[in-house]
Amino acid sequence: DNKIRITGGSNEITINYNLEIVPCGIDRIIAIPKAKLLDLISDSPNQPIEFEIMETEVDGKIDPSSVQITTSIGKYVIPVVSGDNYPYLSIDNPLTFTVPKDSLHKGIESTLFACSNDELRPNLGGVYFFFEGDKMDCAATDRFMVATKSLPLTSPLTDRRSLILPKK
C-alpha cells in the first residue's frame, strides 16, 4: 500500500506513524536503533532518504542484517535486527486517536526547549500532552520556566487523556 509504518515506544506508550513512500515491492519488518536513525533524519530535513535492506541467510532462514541509508549528505550502513525479534506489547483495549502531524510538531517544537535535563525528575524530562474535547494542550518545564501551547484536534475526544512524551 506504498506506506512505511514507523513504530516506537516504551513500556508505557507506543506511537505509530505511517509515511507515504515510493513503491518498492518489498515487505519487511526491521528494527533500527533510534539514536542513529534520528541523527541521520535530523541532519537531512526535508530531503529524500533511501533505505536498502541487506539480508543474510542463517540456517536456511533469510534475515535482515543491516540497512544502507542514503541521504543528501552521504551513505551509512547500520546493523538491524528482524522486526520479528522486536518486542510487541499486546494491549487488550487500546486508546487510539489521531493527531495531525503539523499540530504534533508545533506542540513539541513550542515546548521542548523547556524540558528538564534532571535525571532525578523523569516526569519533567518530556512534553506533557493533555487531550480534552477538540483541543490538545502541550506543556514542559524544568522547574524554572514553563512553555505551553494549545492546539485544535481534528476530531474531538470523548474522554480526557494525557501522556508525557520523553524528550529523548
Protein backbone atom coordinates (compact mmCIF):
# COMPACT_ATOMS: atom_id res chain seq x y z
CA ASP A 1 0.00 0.00 0.00
CA ASN A 2 3.04 2.28 -0.54
CA LYS A 3 3.47 3.13 3.13
CA ILE A 4 6.11 2.51 5.74
CA ARG A 5 4.93 2.14 9.32
CA ILE A 6 7.29 3.55 11.92
CA THR A 7 6.69 2.36 15.46
CA GLY A 8 8.46 3.50 18.59
CA GLY A 9 7.71 3.26 22.24
CA SER A 10 8.38 2.08 25.73
CA ASN A 11 6.53 0.05 28.33
CA GLU A 12 4.11 2.93 28.78
CA ILE A 13 3.47 4.43 25.34
CA THR A 14 3.67 3.36 21.72
CA ILE A 15 3.50 5.75 18.78
CA ASN A 16 2.85 4.63 15.22
CA TYR A 17 3.38 6.79 12.16
CA ASN A 18 2.52 5.87 8.57
CA LEU A 19 4.63 7.55 5.92
CA GLU A 20 4.00 7.56 2.17
CA ILE A 21 6.87 6.01 0.20
CA VAL A 22 7.83 5.34 -3.39
CA PRO A 23 6.61 1.82 -4.30
CA CYS A 24 9.39 -0.74 -3.93
CA GLY A 25 7.71 -4.15 -3.83
CA ILE A 26 9.42 -5.15 -0.56
CA ASP A 27 7.57 -6.19 2.59
CA ARG A 28 9.97 -6.40 5.55
CA ILE A 29 9.89 -5.63 9.24
CA ILE A 30 13.17 -4.40 10.73
CA ALA A 31 14.25 -2.73 13.98
CA ILE A 32 16.72 0.15 13.64
CA PRO A 33 18.45 1.78 16.65
CA LYS A 34 16.55 5.04 17.23
CA ALA A 35 19.54 7.26 18.02
CA LYS A 36 21.30 6.50 14.74
CA LEU A 37 18.14 6.89 12.69
CA LEU A 38 17.22 10.18 14.38
CA ASP A 39 20.71 11.59 13.80
CA LEU A 40 20.51 10.83 10.09
CA ILE A 41 17.00 12.21 9.69
CA SER A 42 17.85 15.36 11.69
CA ASP A 43 20.88 16.03 9.51
CA SER A 44 18.80 15.86 6.30
CA PRO A 45 15.49 17.65 6.94
CA ASN A 46 13.02 17.72 4.04
CA GLN A 47 15.34 15.62 1.86
CA PRO A 48 14.63 12.21 0.34
CA ILE A 49 16.03 9.25 2.26
CA GLU A 50 16.66 5.88 0.62
CA PHE A 51 16.71 2.61 2.57
CA GLU A 52 18.29 -0.57 1.19
CA ILE A 53 17.92 -3.65 3.36
CA MET A 54 20.87 -6.08 3.31
CA GLU A 55 19.96 -9.68 4.12
CA THR A 56 21.89 -12.78 5.14
CA GLU A 57 20.93 -16.43 5.22
CA VAL A 58 21.33 -18.23 8.54
CA ASP A 59 20.27 -21.87 8.89
CA GLY A 60 18.13 -21.63 5.77
CA LYS A 61 16.31 -18.54 7.01
CA ILE A 62 16.80 -15.12 5.41
CA ASP A 63 17.07 -12.30 7.95
CA PRO A 64 17.91 -8.61 7.60
CA SER A 65 21.44 -7.86 8.82
CA SER A 66 21.89 -4.18 8.03
CA VAL A 67 20.32 -1.28 6.22
CA GLN A 68 22.11 1.16 3.96
CA ILE A 69 20.62 4.62 4.36
CA THR A 70 21.39 7.15 1.65
CA THR A 71 20.73 10.83 2.35
CA SER A 72 21.75 14.07 0.68
CA ILE A 73 24.94 14.12 2.77
CA GLY A 74 26.12 10.52 2.45
CA LYS A 75 25.62 6.76 2.75
CA TYR A 76 25.51 4.92 6.07
CA VAL A 77 25.28 1.24 6.94
CA ILE A 78 23.53 0.45 10.23
CA PRO A 79 23.12 -3.01 11.75
CA VAL A 80 19.49 -4.04 12.22
CA VAL A 81 17.54 -6.97 13.59
CA SER A 82 14.45 -8.63 12.26
CA GLY A 83 11.25 -6.97 13.39
CA ASP A 84 10.12 -10.43 14.48
CA ASN A 85 12.60 -10.03 17.37
CA TYR A 86 11.21 -6.62 18.34
CA PRO A 87 9.08 -6.80 21.48
CA TYR A 88 5.41 -6.40 20.75
CA LEU A 89 3.13 -5.26 23.55
CA SER A 90 -0.36 -6.64 23.31
CA ILE A 91 -2.90 -4.23 24.76
CA ASP A 92 -6.43 -5.52 25.25
CA ASN A 93 -8.33 -2.25 24.94
CA PRO A 94 -6.03 0.41 23.46
CA LEU A 95 -6.95 4.05 23.22
CA THR A 96 -6.37 5.10 19.64
CA PHE A 97 -6.68 8.61 18.29
CA THR A 98 -5.13 10.67 15.51
CA VAL A 99 -3.29 13.95 15.94
CA PRO A 100 -2.43 15.89 12.77
CA LYS A 101 1.34 15.81 12.24
CA ASP A 102 1.55 19.61 11.93
CA SER A 103 -0.17 20.05 15.31
CA LEU A 104 2.04 17.43 16.97
CA HIS A 105 5.16 19.01 15.50
CA LYS A 106 4.10 22.52 16.53
CA GLY A 107 3.27 21.36 20.07
CA ILE A 108 6.63 19.66 20.51
CA GLU A 109 8.59 22.46 18.84
CA SER A 110 6.91 25.11 21.03
CA THR A 111 7.63 23.38 24.34
CA LEU A 112 10.62 21.02 24.03
CA PHE A 113 13.18 23.69 24.93
CA ALA A 114 11.69 23.96 28.44
CA CYS A 115 12.10 20.24 29.31
CA SER A 116 14.29 19.40 32.27
CA ASN A 117 17.57 17.50 31.91
CA ASP A 118 17.39 16.37 35.55
CA GLU A 119 17.53 12.55 35.57
CA LEU A 120 16.15 12.54 39.12
CA ARG A 121 12.91 14.09 37.84
CA PRO A 122 11.99 12.00 34.79
CA ASN A 123 8.44 13.36 34.70
CA LEU A 124 9.92 16.77 33.85
CA GLY A 125 12.10 15.34 31.08
CA GLY A 126 9.44 15.38 28.40
CA VAL A 127 6.48 17.18 26.89
CA TYR A 128 3.17 16.72 28.72
CA PHE A 129 0.17 16.33 26.40
CA PHE A 130 -3.37 16.79 27.68
CA PHE A 131 -6.22 15.92 25.32
CA GLU A 132 -9.77 17.04 26.02
CA GLY A 133 -12.63 17.62 23.64
CA ASP A 134 -11.34 19.24 20.48
CA LYS A 135 -8.04 20.60 21.82
CA MET A 136 -4.57 19.41 22.76
CA ASP A 137 -2.53 21.23 25.39
CA CYS A 138 1.26 20.75 25.43
CA ALA A 139 3.48 21.80 28.32
CA ALA A 140 7.07 21.38 29.51
CA THR A 141 9.02 22.72 32.46
CA ASP A 142 12.41 22.47 34.10
CA ARG A 143 11.02 23.99 37.37
CA PHE A 144 12.29 27.47 36.44
CA MET A 145 10.45 28.12 33.19
CA VAL A 146 7.25 26.77 31.66
CA ALA A 147 6.31 26.54 28.00
CA THR A 148 2.75 25.80 26.89
CA LYS A 149 0.91 25.54 23.60
CA SER A 150 -2.77 24.80 22.89
CA LEU A 151 -3.75 23.38 19.52
CA PRO A 152 -7.00 22.14 17.97
CA LEU A 153 -7.71 18.46 17.27
CA THR A 154 -9.41 17.47 14.03
CA SER A 155 -11.78 15.06 15.73
CA PRO A 156 -12.94 15.58 19.32
CA LEU A 157 -12.26 13.02 22.05
CA THR A 158 -14.99 11.88 24.40
CA ASP A 159 -12.62 11.30 27.33
CA ARG A 160 -9.80 13.26 28.90
CA ARG A 161 -6.40 11.71 28.18
CA SER A 162 -2.84 12.69 28.96
CA LEU A 163 0.69 11.42 28.42
CA ILE A 164 4.30 12.50 28.78
CA LEU A 165 6.40 12.10 25.64
CA PRO A 166 10.04 11.73 26.76
CA LYS A 167 12.50 14.29 25.40
CA LYS A 168 14.96 11.63 24.28
